[in-house]
Amino acid sequence: MTSSKKVSALILIGMGLMAFTGCSEMGGSEKKTPTHANNAFGTYLAARSAAAEHDMEAASTYYDLTLKADPQNATVREQAFTLAMLANEMPHAVELAKELIVEKPDHPLARLLLALDDIKRGDYADADIEIDHAQKGPFIILVGNLVE
């Protein structure tokens, strides 16, 4: 085989491999839709990545997408709750706190947020009830003493 035939054969093989592996558009300027938006695992990884980069708003959004894809996942619900608080999405965090206490009635952080929401609305009696139902720890005891 001559060298020009070898080069042609290599080019054809390379083009075939690129087409086979989906790389025929290498260098194109089109943006592709991220695949992580289509499944719970992808959105979970995106949430973890955003949280690691301290982008709490994006992390909260991705945890919400993960929770929608896997609504029975208690771990994801708790992470979505925490990130909603960190992203200062308090109304949403309150909704998630209400869901969390169904699964774990003495969840301290969820009860604390619900108590703070009650205090914000001037409902001190309900705030006291939330604190009474929380798992007792030093901070919950302190807050409970302040509410009384």
C-alpha atoms as a PDB file:
ATOM      1  CA  MET A   1       0.000   0.000   0.000  1.00  0.00           C
ATOM      2  CA  THR A   2       1.377   3.417  -0.903  1.00  0.00           C
ATOM      3  CA  SER A   3       1.709   6.176   1.680  1.00  0.00           C
ATOM      4  CA  SER A   4      -1.153   8.222   0.155  1.00  0.00           C
ATOM      5  CA  LYS A   5      -3.449   5.187   0.355  1.00  0.00           C
ATOM      6  CA  LYS A   6      -2.396   4.643   3.980  1.00  0.00           C
ATOM      7  CA  VAL A   7      -3.185   8.281   4.822  1.00  0.00           C
ATOM      8  CA  SER A   8      -6.558   8.038   3.058  1.00  0.00           C
ATOM      9  CA  ALA A   9      -7.365   4.811   4.892  1.00  0.00           C
ATOM     10  CA  LEU A  10      -6.402   6.347   8.234  1.00  0.00           C
ATOM     11  CA  ILE A  11      -8.549   9.407   7.520  1.00  0.00           C
ATOM     12  CA  LEU A  12     -11.534   7.199   6.622  1.00  0.00           C
ATOM     13  CA  ILE A  13     -11.050   5.094   9.750  1.00  0.00           C
ATOM     14  CA  GLY A  14     -10.752   8.247  11.868  1.00  0.00           C
ATOM     15  CA  MET A  15     -13.915   9.737  10.359  1.00  0.00           C
ATOM     16  CA  GLY A  16     -15.754   6.473  10.894  1.00  0.00           C
ATOM     17  CA  LEU A  17     -14.677   6.319  14.528  1.00  0.00           C
ATOM     18  CA  MET A  18     -15.684   9.940  15.099  1.00  0.00           C
ATOM     19  CA  ALA A  19     -19.104   9.339  13.575  1.00  0.00           C
ATOM     20  CA  PHE A  20     -19.510   6.120  15.542  1.00  0.00           C
ATOM     21  CA  THR A  21     -18.644   7.756  18.884  1.00  0.00           C
ATOM     22  CA  GLY A  22     -20.634  10.914  18.260  1.00  0.00           C
ATOM     23  CA  CYS A  23     -17.585  13.121  17.945  1.00  0.00           C
ATOM     24  CA  SER A  24     -18.253  14.246  14.384  1.00  0.00           C
ATOM     25  CA  GLU A  25     -19.359  17.646  15.694  1.00  0.00           C
ATOM     26  CA  MET A  26     -16.145  18.336  17.605  1.00  0.00           C
ATOM     27  CA  GLY A  27     -15.370  22.013  17.613  1.00  0.00           C
ATOM     28  CA  GLY A  28     -18.965  23.009  16.845  1.00  0.00           C
ATOM     29  CA  SER A  29     -20.311  26.119  18.511  1.00  0.00           C
ATOM     30  CA  GLU A  30     -23.761  24.742  19.338  1.00  0.00           C
ATOM     31  CA  LYS A  31     -24.582  24.356  23.019  1.00  0.00           C
ATOM     32  CA  LYS A  32     -26.133  21.046  23.930  1.00  0.00           C
ATOM     33  CA  THR A  33     -28.846  20.574  26.516  1.00  0.00           C
ATOM     34  CA  PRO A  34     -27.229  19.254  29.686  1.00  0.00           C
ATOM     35  CA  THR A  35     -28.197  15.674  30.310  1.00  0.00           C
ATOM     36  CA  HIS A  36     -28.256  16.225  34.092  1.00  0.00           C
ATOM     37  CA  ALA A  37     -31.583  18.012  33.716  1.00  0.00           C
ATOM     38  CA  ASN A  38     -33.220  14.741  32.681  1.00  0.00           C
ATOM     39  CA  ASN A  39     -32.578  12.429  35.626  1.00  0.00           C
ATOM     40  CA  ALA A  40     -32.326  12.357  39.410  1.00  0.00           C
ATOM     41  CA  PHE A  41     -28.723  11.189  39.474  1.00  0.00           C
ATOM     42  CA  GLY A  42     -27.593  13.960  37.151  1.00  0.00           C
ATOM     43  CA  THR A  43     -29.407  16.680  39.074  1.00  0.00           C
ATOM     44  CA  TYR A  44     -28.059  15.269  42.339  1.00  0.00           C
ATOM     45  CA  LEU A  45     -24.491  15.497  41.022  1.00  0.00           C
ATOM     46  CA  ALA A  46     -25.166  19.017  39.730  1.00  0.00           C
ATOM     47  CA  ALA A  47     -26.508  19.980  43.177  1.00  0.00           C
ATOM     48  CA  ARG A  48     -23.438  18.575  44.923  1.00  0.00           C
ATOM     49  CA  SER A  49     -21.156  20.357  42.485  1.00  0.00           C
ATOM     50  CA  ALA A  50     -22.965  23.687  42.919  1.00  0.00           C
ATOM     51  CA  ALA A  51     -22.848  23.332  46.711  1.00  0.00           C
ATOM     52  CA  ALA A  52     -19.121  22.568  46.567  1.00  0.00           C
ATOM     53  CA  GLU A  53     -18.691  25.794  44.570  1.00  0.00           C
ATOM     54  CA  HIS A  54     -20.752  27.665  47.205  1.00  0.00           C
ATOM     55  CA  ASP A  55     -23.477  28.476  44.686  1.00  0.00           C
ATOM     56  CA  MET A  56     -26.342  27.897  47.099  1.00  0.00           C
ATOM     57  CA  GLU A  57     -29.096  29.120  44.768  1.00  0.00           C
ATOM     58  CA  ALA A  58     -28.086  26.697  42.020  1.00  0.00           C
ATOM     59  CA  ALA A  59     -27.581  23.883  44.521  1.00  0.00           C
ATOM     60  CA  SER A  60     -31.038  24.495  45.967  1.00  0.00           C
ATOM     61  CA  THR A  61     -32.580  24.454  42.498  1.00  0.00           C
ATOM     62  CA  TYR A  62     -30.851  21.198  41.584  1.00  0.00           C
ATOM     63  CA  TYR A  63     -31.807  19.539  44.877  1.00  0.00           C
ATOM     64  CA  ASP A  64     -35.432  20.535  44.203  1.00  0.00           C
ATOM     65  CA  LEU A  65     -35.217  18.950  40.749  1.00  0.00           C
ATOM     66  CA  THR A  66     -33.726  15.820  42.294  1.00  0.00           C
ATOM     67  CA  LEU A  67     -36.502  15.707  44.883  1.00  0.00           C
ATOM     68  CA  LYS A  68     -39.139  16.031  42.157  1.00  0.00           C
ATOM     69  CA  ALA A  69     -37.567  13.092  40.331  1.00  0.00           C
ATOM     70  CA  ASP A  70     -37.217  11.038  43.538  1.00  0.00           C
ATOM     71  CA  PRO A  71     -39.866  12.336  45.990  1.00  0.00           C
ATOM     72  CA  GLN A  72     -39.493   9.449  48.462  1.00  0.00           C
ATOM     73  CA  ASN A  73     -35.794  10.090  49.073  1.00  0.00           C
ATOM     74  CA  ALA A  74     -35.551  11.406  52.650  1.00  0.00           C
ATOM     75  CA  THR A  75     -31.854  12.227  52.337  1.00  0.00           C
ATOM     76  CA  VAL A  76     -32.431  14.418  49.286  1.00  0.00           C
ATOM     77  CA  ARG A  77     -35.383  16.094  51.045  1.00  0.00           C
ATOM     78  CA  GLU A  78     -33.151  16.996  53.982  1.00  0.00           C
ATOM     79  CA  GLN A  79     -30.429  18.315  51.680  1.00  0.00           C
ATOM     80  CA  ALA A  80     -32.995  20.337  49.699  1.00  0.00           C
ATOM     81  CA  PHE A  81     -34.243  21.793  52.994  1.00  0.00           C
ATOM     82  CA  THR A  82     -30.742  22.742  54.154  1.00  0.00           C
ATOM     83  CA  LEU A  83     -29.806  24.310  50.819  1.00  0.00           C
ATOM     84  CA  ALA A  84     -33.096  26.218  50.629  1.00  0.00           C
ATOM     85  CA  MET A  85     -32.210  27.793  53.985  1.00  0.00           C
ATOM     86  CA  LEU A  86     -28.658  28.557  52.871  1.00  0.00           C
ATOM     87  CA  ALA A  87     -30.001  30.114  49.664  1.00  0.00           C
ATOM     88  CA  ASN A  88     -32.341  32.278  51.788  1.00  0.00           C
ATOM     89  CA  GLU A  89     -35.420  30.714  50.195  1.00  0.00           C
ATOM     90  CA  MET A  90     -37.279  30.730  53.499  1.00  0.00           C
ATOM     91  CA  PRO A  91     -40.861  30.135  52.320  1.00  0.00           C
ATOM     92  CA  HIS A  92     -39.673  27.064  50.432  1.00  0.00           C
ATOM     93  CA  ALA A  93     -37.523  25.954  53.381  1.00  0.00           C
ATOM     94  CA  VAL A  94     -40.594  26.182  55.639  1.00  0.00           C
ATOM     95  CA  GLU A  95     -42.545  23.943  53.224  1.00  0.00           C
ATOM     96  CA  LEU A  96     -39.726  21.400  53.242  1.00  0.00           C
ATOM     97  CA  ALA A  97     -39.476  21.605  57.056  1.00  0.00           C
ATOM     98  CA  LYS A  98     -43.143  20.649  57.296  1.00  0.00           C
ATOM     99  CA  GLU A  99     -42.448  17.627  55.098  1.00  0.00           C
ATOM    100  CA  LEU A 100     -39.380  16.684  57.145  1.00  0.00           C
ATOM    101  CA  ILE A 101     -41.243  16.601  60.467  1.00  0.00           C
ATOM    102  CA  VAL A 102     -43.699  14.104  58.996  1.00  0.00           C
ATOM    103  CA  GLU A 103     -40.781  11.714  58.475  1.00  0.00           C
ATOM    104  CA  LYS A 104     -38.841  12.688  61.596  1.00  0.00           C
ATOM    105  CA  PRO A 105     -41.091  14.476  64.113  1.00  0.00           C
ATOM    106  CA  ASP A 106     -38.226  15.677  66.333  1.00  0.00           C
ATOM    107  CA  HIS A 107     -35.983  16.998  63.520  1.00  0.00           C
ATOM    108  CA  PRO A 108     -34.237  19.849  65.391  1.00  0.00           C
ATOM    109  CA  LEU A 109     -33.421  22.174  62.510  1.00  0.00           C
ATOM    110  CA  ALA A 110     -36.833  21.777  60.865  1.00  0.00           C
ATOM    111  CA  ARG A 111     -38.586  22.421  64.191  1.00  0.00           C
ATOM    112  CA  LEU A 112     -36.347  25.416  64.847  1.00  0.00           C
ATOM    113  CA  LEU A 113     -37.144  26.946  61.463  1.00  0.00           C
ATOM    114  CA  LEU A 114     -40.866  26.365  62.009  1.00  0.00           C
ATOM    115  CA  ALA A 115     -40.586  27.978  65.450  1.00  0.00           C
ATOM    116  CA  LEU A 116     -38.801  30.985  63.942  1.00  0.00           C
ATOM    117  CA  ASP A 117     -41.515  31.226  61.301  1.00  0.00           C
ATOM    118  CA  ASP A 118     -44.141  31.185  64.065  1.00  0.00           C
ATOM    119  CA  ILE A 119     -42.264  33.904  65.967  1.00  0.00           C
ATOM    120  CA  LYS A 120     -42.046  35.992  62.795  1.00  0.00           C
ATOM    121  CA  ARG A 121     -45.839  35.773  62.512  1.00  0.00           C
ATOM    122  CA  GLY A 122     -46.229  36.615  66.235  1.00  0.00           C
ATOM    123  CA  ASP A 123     -47.529  33.146  67.108  1.00  0.00           C
ATOM    124  CA  TYR A 124     -45.424  32.485  70.216  1.00  0.00           C
ATOM    125  CA  ALA A 125     -47.599  29.624  71.484  1.00  0.00           C
ATOM    126  CA  ASP A 126     -47.031  27.603  68.304  1.00  0.00           C
ATOM    127  CA  ALA A 127     -43.329  28.470  68.411  1.00  0.00           C
ATOM    128  CA  ASP A 128     -43.172  27.015  71.920  1.00  0.00           C
ATOM    129  CA  ILE A 129     -44.911  23.847  70.694  1.00  0.00           C
ATOM    130  CA  GLU A 130     -42.385  23.479  67.850  1.00  0.00           C
ATOM    131  CA  ILE A 131     -39.496  23.805  70.313  1.00  0.00           C
ATOM    132  CA  ASP A 132     -41.127  21.282  72.672  1.00  0.00           C
ATOM    133  CA  HIS A 133     -41.329  18.738  69.834  1.00  0.00           C
ATOM    134  CA  ALA A 134     -37.706  19.197  68.724  1.00  0.00           C
ATOM    135  CA  GLN A 135     -34.942  16.798  69.663  1.00  0.00           C
ATOM    136  CA  LYS A 136     -33.276  18.388  72.662  1.00  0.00           C
ATOM    137  CA  GLY A 137     -29.802  19.736  72.168  1.00  0.00           C
ATOM    138  CA  PRO A 138     -27.977  22.740  73.633  1.00  0.00           C
ATOM    139  CA  PHE A 139     -29.172  25.194  71.001  1.00  0.00           C
ATOM    140  CA  ILE A 140     -32.796  24.001  71.092  1.00  0.00           C
ATOM    141  CA  ILE A 141     -32.778  24.279  74.895  1.00  0.00           C
ATOM    142  CA  LEU A 142     -31.409  27.842  74.639  1.00  0.00           C
ATOM    143  CA  VAL A 143     -34.030  28.866  72.080  1.00  0.00           C
ATOM    144  CA  GLY A 144     -36.741  27.175  74.124  1.00  0.00           C
ATOM    145  CA  ASN A 145     -35.745  29.197  77.177  1.00  0.00           C
ATOM    146  CA  LEU A 146     -35.827  32.408  75.129  1.00  0.00           C
ATOM    147  CA  VAL A 147     -39.284  31.653  73.722  1.00  0.00           C
ATOM    148  CA  GLU A 148     -40.755  30.968  77.153  1.00  0.00           C
END
